[in-house]
């Protein structure tokens, strides 16, 4: 019985570790699709929200200087630069939102981090969303 229980725990730990690495692959694939705005066949501009990107609830909403967005960090690794940051609330008493706009060449992405209230006053569910679009380059190209 103990061996069967140990085997089950081992299989669960393997499946969880495989899920984490496939999540990273999923994020990269999502960013590939979202930033594929140079293609005439796919223009992007779809908003995608990842509600299970964070595996823990937030105990507070950090200040701007401490705020980290997973999708923003991945886009920076791809050469995107932050062009604008903002934050606010959805009215009236809606979730808190952080908005970051990034640009690389003719691709502009808006990444949102949303803090949804939970039944506990000091815990927030976190989600991130992304929307990228192609903009015309200066000079009419």
N, C-alpha and C. Protein backbone atom coordinates (compact mmCIF):
# COMPACT_ATOMS: atom_id res chain seq x y z
N UNK A 1 0.82 -1.18 0.00
CA UNK A 1 0.00 0.00 0.00
C UNK A 1 0.87 1.26 0.00
N UNK A 2 1.92 1.26 0.83
CA UNK A 2 2.81 2.41 0.88
C UNK A 2 3.51 2.62 -0.46
N UNK A 3 3.86 1.53 -1.14
CA UNK A 3 4.53 1.64 -2.44
C UNK A 3 3.59 2.23 -3.48
N UNK A 4 2.33 1.83 -3.44
CA UNK A 4 1.35 2.35 -4.39
C UNK A 4 1.14 3.85 -4.15
N UNK A 5 1.06 4.25 -2.89
CA UNK A 5 0.89 5.66 -2.55
C UNK A 5 2.10 6.46 -3.02
N UNK A 6 3.30 5.94 -2.79
CA UNK A 6 4.53 6.62 -3.22
C UNK A 6 4.58 6.73 -4.74
N UNK A 7 4.14 5.69 -5.43
CA UNK A 7 4.13 5.72 -6.90
C UNK A 7 3.16 6.77 -7.41
N UNK A 8 2.00 6.89 -6.78
CA UNK A 8 1.02 7.89 -7.19
C UNK A 8 1.58 9.30 -6.98
N UNK A 9 2.21 9.52 -5.82
CA UNK A 9 2.81 10.84 -5.56
C UNK A 9 3.90 11.15 -6.57
N UNK A 10 4.70 10.16 -6.94
CA UNK A 10 5.75 10.34 -7.92
C UNK A 10 5.16 10.73 -9.28
N UNK A 11 4.11 10.04 -9.71
CA UNK A 11 3.48 10.34 -10.99
C UNK A 11 2.86 11.74 -10.99
N UNK A 12 2.25 12.12 -9.88
CA UNK A 12 1.67 13.46 -9.79
C UNK A 12 2.77 14.51 -9.89
N UNK A 13 3.89 14.30 -9.21
CA UNK A 13 4.97 15.29 -9.26
C UNK A 13 5.57 15.39 -10.65
N UNK A 14 5.65 14.28 -11.38
CA UNK A 14 6.16 14.31 -12.75
C UNK A 14 5.19 15.07 -13.63
N UNK A 15 3.88 14.78 -13.52
CA UNK A 15 2.91 15.46 -14.38
C UNK A 15 2.88 16.95 -14.10
N UNK A 16 3.04 17.36 -12.85
CA UNK A 16 3.06 18.79 -12.52
C UNK A 16 4.30 19.45 -13.09
N UNK A 17 5.45 18.81 -13.00
CA UNK A 17 6.66 19.43 -13.54
C UNK A 17 6.60 19.48 -15.06
N UNK A 18 5.98 18.50 -15.70
CA UNK A 18 5.82 18.55 -17.16
C UNK A 18 4.86 19.67 -17.53
N UNK A 19 3.84 19.90 -16.74
CA UNK A 19 2.88 20.96 -17.02
C UNK A 19 3.57 22.32 -16.96
N UNK A 20 4.44 22.52 -15.99
CA UNK A 20 5.11 23.81 -15.87
C UNK A 20 5.97 24.08 -17.10
N UNK A 21 6.70 23.08 -17.59
CA UNK A 21 7.53 23.32 -18.76
C UNK A 21 6.67 23.51 -20.00
N UNK A 22 5.52 22.81 -20.10
CA UNK A 22 4.66 23.01 -21.25
C UNK A 22 3.96 24.36 -21.17
N UNK A 23 3.72 24.90 -19.95
CA UNK A 23 3.17 26.24 -19.80
C UNK A 23 4.12 27.26 -20.42
N UNK A 24 5.40 27.09 -20.17
CA UNK A 24 6.38 28.00 -20.76
C UNK A 24 6.32 27.91 -22.28
N UNK A 25 6.21 26.72 -22.81
CA UNK A 25 6.09 26.56 -24.25
C UNK A 25 4.81 27.21 -24.75
N UNK A 26 3.73 27.10 -23.99
CA UNK A 26 2.47 27.70 -24.37
C UNK A 26 2.59 29.21 -24.41
N UNK A 27 3.24 29.81 -23.43
CA UNK A 27 3.42 31.26 -23.41
C UNK A 27 4.21 31.70 -24.63
N UNK A 28 5.29 30.99 -24.95
CA UNK A 28 6.08 31.35 -26.12
C UNK A 28 5.26 31.21 -27.40
N UNK A 29 4.46 30.15 -27.50
CA UNK A 29 3.62 29.97 -28.69
C UNK A 29 2.56 31.06 -28.78
N UNK A 30 1.99 31.43 -27.64
CA UNK A 30 1.00 32.51 -27.62
C UNK A 30 1.64 33.81 -28.09
N UNK A 31 2.84 34.12 -27.60
CA UNK A 31 3.51 35.34 -28.00
C UNK A 31 3.89 35.30 -29.48
N UNK A 32 4.28 34.12 -29.98
CA UNK A 32 4.57 33.98 -31.41
C UNK A 32 3.33 34.34 -32.22
N UNK A 33 2.19 33.82 -31.81
CA UNK A 33 0.94 34.07 -32.53
C UNK A 33 0.51 35.53 -32.38
N UNK A 34 0.59 36.07 -31.17
CA UNK A 34 0.15 37.44 -30.93
C UNK A 34 1.00 38.46 -31.66
N UNK A 35 2.30 38.18 -31.82
CA UNK A 35 3.20 39.14 -32.45
C UNK A 35 3.42 38.85 -33.93
N UNK A 36 2.70 37.91 -34.49
CA UNK A 36 2.83 37.56 -35.91
C UNK A 36 2.06 38.56 -36.76
N UNK A 37 2.17 39.82 -36.43
CA UNK A 37 1.39 40.85 -37.11
C UNK A 37 2.02 41.30 -38.41
N UNK A 38 3.21 40.82 -38.74
CA UNK A 38 3.82 41.22 -40.00
C UNK A 38 3.27 40.38 -41.15
N UNK A 39 2.57 39.32 -40.84
CA UNK A 39 2.01 38.44 -41.86
C UNK A 39 0.70 39.02 -42.39
N UNK A 40 0.52 39.02 -43.70
CA UNK A 40 -0.74 39.47 -44.30
C UNK A 40 -1.86 38.49 -43.98
N UNK A 41 -1.52 37.21 -43.76
CA UNK A 41 -2.54 36.19 -43.52
C UNK A 41 -3.12 36.30 -42.13
N UNK A 42 -2.32 36.74 -41.17
CA UNK A 42 -2.82 36.85 -39.79
C UNK A 42 -2.51 38.24 -39.29
N UNK A 43 -3.52 38.99 -38.96
CA UNK A 43 -3.35 40.37 -38.53
C UNK A 43 -3.37 40.52 -37.01
N UNK A 44 -3.58 39.45 -36.27
CA UNK A 44 -3.59 39.56 -34.82
C UNK A 44 -4.79 40.33 -34.33
N UNK A 45 -4.54 41.24 -33.42
CA UNK A 45 -5.55 42.12 -32.86
C UNK A 45 -6.62 41.41 -32.04
N UNK A 46 -6.39 40.18 -31.65
CA UNK A 46 -7.31 39.45 -30.77
C UNK A 46 -6.79 39.58 -29.34
N UNK A 47 -7.70 39.80 -28.41
CA UNK A 47 -7.33 39.88 -27.00
C UNK A 47 -7.42 38.48 -26.40
N UNK A 48 -6.35 38.06 -25.76
CA UNK A 48 -6.31 36.76 -25.10
C UNK A 48 -5.97 36.98 -23.64
N UNK A 49 -6.77 36.41 -22.73
CA UNK A 49 -6.51 36.53 -21.30
C UNK A 49 -6.15 35.17 -20.73
N UNK A 50 -5.07 35.14 -19.97
CA UNK A 50 -4.60 33.92 -19.31
C UNK A 50 -4.96 34.01 -17.83
N UNK A 51 -5.96 33.26 -17.43
CA UNK A 51 -6.45 33.34 -16.05
C UNK A 51 -5.68 32.43 -15.10
N UNK A 52 -4.93 31.48 -15.62
CA UNK A 52 -4.18 30.56 -14.76
C UNK A 52 -2.67 30.75 -14.87
N UNK A 53 -2.26 31.92 -15.24
CA UNK A 53 -0.83 32.20 -15.40
C UNK A 53 -0.11 32.21 -14.05
N UNK A 54 -0.80 32.64 -13.01
CA UNK A 54 -0.22 32.69 -11.66
C UNK A 54 -0.80 31.56 -10.83
N UNK A 55 0.06 30.87 -10.12
CA UNK A 55 -0.42 29.73 -9.33
C UNK A 55 -0.72 30.10 -7.88
N UNK A 56 -0.54 31.38 -7.51
CA UNK A 56 -0.85 31.82 -6.15
C UNK A 56 -1.67 33.11 -6.22
N UNK A 57 -2.48 33.31 -5.21
CA UNK A 57 -3.21 34.57 -5.08
C UNK A 57 -2.26 35.65 -4.57
N UNK A 58 -2.50 36.90 -4.97
CA UNK A 58 -1.70 38.02 -4.49
C UNK A 58 -2.27 38.51 -3.17
N UNK A 59 -1.39 38.83 -2.23
CA UNK A 59 -1.81 39.35 -0.93
C UNK A 59 -2.04 40.85 -0.96
N UNK A 60 -1.48 41.51 -1.96
CA UNK A 60 -1.69 42.94 -2.13
C UNK A 60 -1.40 43.30 -3.58
N UNK A 61 -1.68 44.54 -3.93
CA UNK A 61 -1.40 45.03 -5.27
C UNK A 61 -0.14 45.88 -5.17
N UNK A 62 0.94 45.45 -5.80
CA UNK A 62 2.21 46.16 -5.64
C UNK A 62 2.21 47.56 -6.26
N UNK A 63 3.14 48.38 -5.80
CA UNK A 63 3.37 49.69 -6.40
C UNK A 63 3.96 49.49 -7.80
N UNK A 64 3.89 50.52 -8.63
CA UNK A 64 4.40 50.42 -10.00
C UNK A 64 5.83 49.90 -10.07
N UNK A 65 6.69 50.42 -9.19
CA UNK A 65 8.11 50.03 -9.24
C UNK A 65 8.32 48.55 -8.92
N UNK A 66 7.38 47.92 -8.22
CA UNK A 66 7.52 46.52 -7.83
C UNK A 66 6.66 45.59 -8.69
N UNK A 67 5.87 46.15 -9.58
CA UNK A 67 4.95 45.36 -10.40
C UNK A 67 5.70 44.56 -11.46
N UNK A 68 5.44 43.28 -11.55
CA UNK A 68 6.05 42.41 -12.56
C UNK A 68 4.94 41.72 -13.35
N UNK A 69 5.02 41.81 -14.65
CA UNK A 69 4.08 41.13 -15.53
C UNK A 69 4.85 40.09 -16.33
N UNK A 70 4.41 38.86 -16.28
CA UNK A 70 5.10 37.76 -16.94
C UNK A 70 5.20 38.00 -18.44
N UNK A 71 4.09 38.39 -19.08
CA UNK A 71 4.10 38.58 -20.53
C UNK A 71 4.99 39.76 -20.94
N UNK A 72 5.02 40.81 -20.13
CA UNK A 72 5.89 41.95 -20.41
C UNK A 72 7.35 41.53 -20.37
N UNK A 73 7.72 40.77 -19.35
CA UNK A 73 9.11 40.32 -19.24
C UNK A 73 9.51 39.46 -20.43
N UNK A 74 8.61 38.58 -20.88
CA UNK A 74 8.90 37.74 -22.04
C UNK A 74 9.03 38.58 -23.31
N UNK A 75 8.18 39.58 -23.47
CA UNK A 75 8.28 40.45 -24.65
C UNK A 75 9.57 41.25 -24.63
N UNK A 76 10.00 41.72 -23.46
CA UNK A 76 11.27 42.43 -23.36
C UNK A 76 12.43 41.54 -23.80
N UNK A 77 12.37 40.26 -23.44
CA UNK A 77 13.40 39.31 -23.87
C UNK A 77 13.43 39.19 -25.39
N UNK A 78 12.32 39.47 -26.04
CA UNK A 78 12.23 39.40 -27.50
C UNK A 78 12.56 40.73 -28.17
N UNK A 79 12.99 41.72 -27.39
CA UNK A 79 13.40 43.00 -27.96
C UNK A 79 12.34 44.08 -27.94
N UNK A 80 11.20 43.85 -27.32
CA UNK A 80 10.18 44.87 -27.20
C UNK A 80 10.59 45.87 -26.13
N UNK A 81 10.17 47.13 -26.32
CA UNK A 81 10.45 48.18 -25.34
C UNK A 81 9.15 48.77 -24.84
N UNK A 82 9.11 49.08 -23.54
CA UNK A 82 7.92 49.67 -22.93
C UNK A 82 7.80 51.11 -23.42
N UNK A 83 6.60 51.46 -23.93
CA UNK A 83 6.35 52.83 -24.39
C UNK A 83 5.36 53.57 -23.49
N UNK A 84 4.58 52.85 -22.70
CA UNK A 84 3.59 53.48 -21.83
C UNK A 84 3.19 52.52 -20.73
N UNK A 85 2.93 53.07 -19.55
CA UNK A 85 2.41 52.30 -18.40
C UNK A 85 1.25 53.07 -17.79
N UNK A 86 0.28 52.33 -17.27
CA UNK A 86 -0.83 52.97 -16.59
C UNK A 86 -1.50 51.98 -15.65
N UNK A 87 -2.38 52.50 -14.79
CA UNK A 87 -3.12 51.63 -13.89
C UNK A 87 -4.40 52.33 -13.48
N UNK A 88 -5.37 51.51 -13.07
CA UNK A 88 -6.65 52.06 -12.66
C UNK A 88 -7.59 50.96 -12.23
N UNK A 89 -8.87 51.29 -12.14
CA UNK A 89 -9.90 50.32 -11.76
C UNK A 89 -10.98 50.32 -12.83
N UNK A 90 -11.59 49.15 -13.03
CA UNK A 90 -12.79 49.10 -13.84
C UNK A 90 -13.93 49.62 -12.97
N UNK A 91 -14.75 50.54 -13.48
CA UNK A 91 -15.82 51.08 -12.64
C UNK A 91 -16.99 50.11 -12.56
N UNK A 92 -17.88 50.27 -11.63
CA UNK A 92 -17.68 51.04 -10.39
C UNK A 92 -17.13 50.11 -9.33
N UNK A 93 -16.23 49.88 -8.79
CA UNK A 93 -15.78 48.86 -7.83
C UNK A 93 -15.29 47.61 -8.54
N UNK A 94 -14.88 47.73 -9.77
CA UNK A 94 -14.41 46.57 -10.52
C UNK A 94 -12.98 46.23 -10.20
N UNK A 95 -12.41 45.29 -10.92
CA UNK A 95 -11.04 44.85 -10.64
C UNK A 95 -10.00 45.92 -10.95
N UNK A 96 -8.87 45.80 -10.29
CA UNK A 96 -7.72 46.68 -10.50
C UNK A 96 -7.01 46.21 -11.77
N UNK A 97 -6.52 47.14 -12.58
CA UNK A 97 -5.85 46.78 -13.83
C UNK A 97 -4.56 47.58 -13.98
N UNK A 98 -3.53 46.90 -14.48
CA UNK A 98 -2.26 47.52 -14.83
C UNK A 98 -2.10 47.32 -16.33
N UNK A 99 -1.78 48.39 -17.05
CA UNK A 99 -1.66 48.33 -18.50
C UNK A 99 -0.25 48.73 -18.90
N UNK A 100 0.38 47.90 -19.74
CA UNK A 100 1.72 48.20 -20.25
C UNK A 100 1.67 48.07 -21.77
N UNK A 101 2.13 49.11 -22.45
CA UNK A 101 2.22 49.07 -23.91
C UNK A 101 3.68 48.91 -24.29
N UNK A 102 3.94 47.99 -25.23
CA UNK A 102 5.30 47.73 -25.70
C UNK A 102 5.32 47.80 -27.22
N UNK A 103 6.50 48.11 -27.76
CA UNK A 103 6.63 48.21 -29.21
C UNK A 103 7.95 47.64 -29.67
N UNK A 104 7.89 46.98 -30.82
CA UNK A 104 9.10 46.51 -31.52
C UNK A 104 8.79 46.63 -33.01
N UNK A 105 9.57 47.43 -33.69
CA UNK A 105 9.35 47.71 -35.11
C UNK A 105 7.92 48.16 -35.34
N UNK A 106 7.15 47.45 -36.16
CA UNK A 106 5.77 47.88 -36.42
C UNK A 106 4.74 47.08 -35.63
N UNK A 107 5.17 46.45 -34.55
CA UNK A 107 4.27 45.65 -33.72
C UNK A 107 4.10 46.32 -32.35
N UNK A 108 2.86 46.62 -32.00
CA UNK A 108 2.55 47.23 -30.71
C UNK A 108 1.69 46.25 -29.92
N UNK A 109 2.10 45.96 -28.70
CA UNK A 109 1.35 45.04 -27.84
C UNK A 109 0.91 45.77 -26.58
N UNK A 110 -0.32 45.50 -26.18
CA UNK A 110 -0.82 45.98 -24.91
C UNK A 110 -1.01 44.77 -24.01
N UNK A 111 -0.36 44.81 -22.86
CA UNK A 111 -0.47 43.73 -21.88
C UNK A 111 -1.18 44.29 -20.66
N UNK A 112 -2.20 43.57 -20.21
CA UNK A 112 -2.96 43.96 -19.03
C UNK A 112 -2.76 42.93 -17.94
N UNK A 113 -2.59 43.40 -16.72
CA UNK A 113 -2.60 42.53 -15.55
C UNK A 113 -3.80 42.94 -14.73
N UNK A 114 -4.66 42.00 -14.46
CA UNK A 114 -5.90 42.29 -13.77
C UNK A 114 -5.90 41.59 -12.42
N UNK A 115 -6.25 42.34 -11.40
CA UNK A 115 -6.39 41.82 -10.04
C UNK A 115 -7.88 41.71 -9.73
N UNK A 116 -8.37 40.49 -9.70
CA UNK A 116 -9.77 40.26 -9.38
C UNK A 116 -9.93 40.05 -7.88
N UNK A 117 -10.93 40.68 -7.29
CA UNK A 117 -11.21 40.50 -5.87
C UNK A 117 -11.68 39.08 -5.61
N UNK A 118 -11.40 38.59 -4.43
CA UNK A 118 -11.88 37.27 -3.99
C UNK A 118 -12.76 37.49 -2.75
N UNK A 119 -13.21 36.41 -2.17
CA UNK A 119 -14.04 36.54 -0.97
C UNK A 119 -13.25 37.08 0.22
N UNK A 120 -11.93 36.92 0.19
CA UNK A 120 -11.07 37.49 1.23
C UNK A 120 -10.67 38.91 0.82
N UNK A 121 -10.80 39.85 1.72
CA UNK A 121 -10.51 41.26 1.41
C UNK A 121 -9.07 41.52 0.99
N UNK A 122 -8.16 40.68 1.42
CA UNK A 122 -6.74 40.92 1.14
C UNK A 122 -6.13 39.95 0.15
N UNK A 123 -6.94 39.22 -0.61
CA UNK A 123 -6.42 38.29 -1.61
C UNK A 123 -7.01 38.61 -2.98
N UNK A 124 -6.16 38.55 -3.99
CA UNK A 124 -6.58 38.86 -5.35
C UNK A 124 -6.14 37.75 -6.31
N UNK A 125 -7.04 37.36 -7.20
CA UNK A 125 -6.67 36.46 -8.28
C UNK A 125 -6.05 37.32 -9.38
N UNK A 126 -4.95 36.85 -9.97
CA UNK A 126 -4.24 37.60 -10.99
C UNK A 126 -4.42 36.95 -12.35
N UNK A 127 -4.57 37.77 -13.37
CA UNK A 127 -4.64 37.29 -14.74
C UNK A 127 -3.90 38.30 -15.61
N UNK A 128 -3.41 37.83 -16.75
CA UNK A 128 -2.79 38.74 -17.72
C UNK A 128 -3.44 38.53 -19.07
N UNK A 129 -3.55 39.60 -19.81
CA UNK A 129 -4.09 39.54 -21.16
C UNK A 129 -3.17 40.27 -22.12
N UNK A 130 -3.26 39.91 -23.40
CA UNK A 130 -2.41 40.53 -24.41
C UNK A 130 -3.20 40.76 -25.68
N UNK A 131 -2.86 41.87 -26.34
CA UNK A 131 -3.44 42.23 -27.62
C UNK A 131 -2.34 42.94 -28.41
N UNK A 132 -1.99 42.40 -29.57
CA UNK A 132 -0.96 43.02 -30.40
C UNK A 132 -1.56 43.40 -31.74
N UNK A 133 -0.99 44.46 -32.33
CA UNK A 133 -1.46 44.88 -33.65
C UNK A 133 -0.31 45.49 -34.42
N UNK A 134 -0.48 45.50 -35.72
CA UNK A 134 0.52 46.10 -36.61
C UNK A 134 0.16 47.56 -36.80
N UNK A 135 1.18 48.39 -36.76
CA UNK A 135 1.00 49.82 -37.04
C UNK A 135 1.86 50.16 -38.25
N UNK A 136 1.43 51.15 -39.00
CA UNK A 136 2.20 51.57 -40.16
C UNK A 136 3.50 52.21 -39.72
N UNK A 137 4.55 51.88 -40.43
CA UNK A 137 5.84 52.50 -40.14
C UNK A 137 5.84 53.94 -40.65
N UNK A 138 6.63 54.81 -40.04
CA UNK A 138 6.73 56.18 -40.55
C UNK A 138 7.17 56.16 -42.02
N UNK A 139 6.62 57.05 -42.80
CA UNK A 139 6.99 57.11 -44.22
C UNK A 139 5.99 56.38 -45.09
N UNK A 140 4.87 55.91 -44.51
CA UNK A 140 3.81 55.30 -45.29
C UNK A 140 4.04 53.87 -45.70
N UNK A 141 5.01 53.21 -45.13
CA UNK A 141 5.26 51.82 -45.51
C UNK A 141 4.31 50.90 -44.79
